[in-house]
Protein backbone atom coordinates (compact mmCIF):
# COMPACT_ATOMS: atom_id res chain seq x y z
CA MET A 1 -6.83 6.08 -9.57
CA ILE A 2 -6.35 2.32 -9.88
CA LYS A 3 -3.76 2.38 -7.09
CA LEU A 4 -6.31 4.11 -4.88
CA LEU A 5 -8.90 1.40 -5.53
CA ILE A 6 -6.32 -1.28 -4.79
CA LEU A 7 -5.41 0.50 -1.56
CA ILE A 8 -9.07 0.66 -0.48
CA GLY A 9 -9.49 -3.04 -1.24
CA LEU A 10 -6.38 -3.88 0.75
CA VAL A 11 -7.65 -1.88 3.72
CA LYS A 12 -10.79 -4.02 3.61
CA LEU A 13 -8.63 -7.15 3.38
CA LEU A 14 -6.69 -5.92 6.41
CA ASP A 15 -9.96 -5.60 8.33
CA LEU A 16 -10.78 -9.21 7.50
CA THR A 17 -7.37 -10.83 7.99
CA GLU A 18 -5.53 -8.46 10.36
CA ASN A 19 -2.32 -9.38 8.50
CA PRO A 20 -0.29 -6.32 7.40
CA TRP A 21 2.36 -8.54 5.74
CA LEU A 22 -0.19 -9.92 3.30
CA CYS A 23 -1.58 -6.50 2.41
CA ALA A 24 1.88 -4.96 1.99
CA THR A 25 3.02 -7.85 -0.20
CA LEU A 26 -0.03 -7.59 -2.45
CA TYR A 27 0.43 -3.83 -2.74
CA ALA A 28 4.12 -4.27 -3.64
CA ILE A 29 3.17 -6.84 -6.30
CA ALA A 30 0.66 -4.38 -7.77
CA ILE A 31 3.25 -1.58 -7.81
CA PHE A 32 5.80 -3.91 -9.37
CA SER A 33 3.29 -4.77 -12.11
CA PHE A 34 2.47 -1.13 -12.81
CA VAL A 35 6.10 -0.06 -12.98
CA ALA A 36 7.35 -3.12 -14.88
CA PHE A 37 4.83 -2.63 -17.67
CA SER A 38 5.49 1.08 -18.00
CA ALA A 39 7.48 2.47 -20.90
CA ASN A 40 11.25 1.87 -20.81
CA PRO A 41 11.55 -0.18 -17.62
CA ASN A 42 14.86 -0.05 -15.76
CA TRP A 43 15.09 -3.13 -13.52
CA VAL A 44 17.15 -1.47 -10.81
CA SER A 45 14.66 1.37 -10.42
CA ILE A 46 11.76 -1.09 -10.54
CA LEU A 47 13.23 -3.07 -7.64
CA ILE A 48 13.95 0.09 -5.64
CA ILE A 49 10.43 1.44 -6.18
CA THR A 50 8.94 -1.93 -5.24
CA ALA A 51 11.05 -2.19 -2.08
CA VAL A 52 10.18 1.34 -0.97
CA SER A 53 6.51 0.70 -1.71
CA PHE A 54 6.59 -2.50 0.33
CA VAL A 55 8.19 -0.84 3.36
CA ALA A 56 5.90 2.21 3.23
CA SER A 57 2.77 0.09 2.76
CA PHE A 58 3.79 -2.28 5.55
CA ILE A 59 4.17 0.67 7.94
CA TYR A 60 0.81 2.01 6.79
CA PHE A 61 -1.03 -1.30 7.19
CA TYR A 62 0.72 -2.03 10.48
CA LEU A 63 -0.35 1.32 11.90
CA LEU A 64 -3.89 0.76 10.69
CA ASN A 65 -3.96 -2.65 12.31
CA ARG A 66 -2.55 -1.36 15.63
CA THR A 67 -4.89 1.65 15.86
CA LYS A 68 -8.05 -0.24 14.99
CA GLU A 69 -11.13 1.03 16.85
CA THR A 70 -9.54 4.40 17.75
CA CYS A 71 -9.87 7.91 16.38
CA ILE A 72 -6.30 7.83 15.09
CA TYR A 73 -7.30 4.99 12.75
CA TRP A 74 -9.37 7.38 10.64
CA LEU A 75 -6.58 9.95 10.50
CA ILE A 76 -4.06 7.32 9.34
CA LEU A 77 -6.58 5.88 6.87
CA MET A 78 -7.31 9.23 5.24
CA LEU A 79 -3.67 10.30 5.21
CA GLY A 80 -2.65 7.05 3.51
CA LEU A 81 -5.40 7.33 0.91
CA VAL A 82 -4.40 10.93 0.11
CA ILE A 83 -0.75 9.90 -0.25
CA GLY A 84 -1.81 6.93 -2.39
CA PHE A 85 -3.85 9.22 -4.61
CA VAL A 86 -1.05 11.76 -5.05
CA LEU A 87 1.74 9.26 -5.64
């Protein structure tokens, strides 16, 4: 649930800044924090999870930024939020 709120906030930040690198970096930092403070952290898996989260979130924010003001924007937005809620 917290990841979903962070994702919504980062979508708003993307609307203001139009910088997918910034949003993806902040999301990766949040994921790193969540995973690092979980029980029994394994640093290799933490780095892999963070890297995958960064790449996936960058693609998501990049697509949102490129499809701004189109109907596809809403489809990508909802799909990303659902994936963020499930994962």
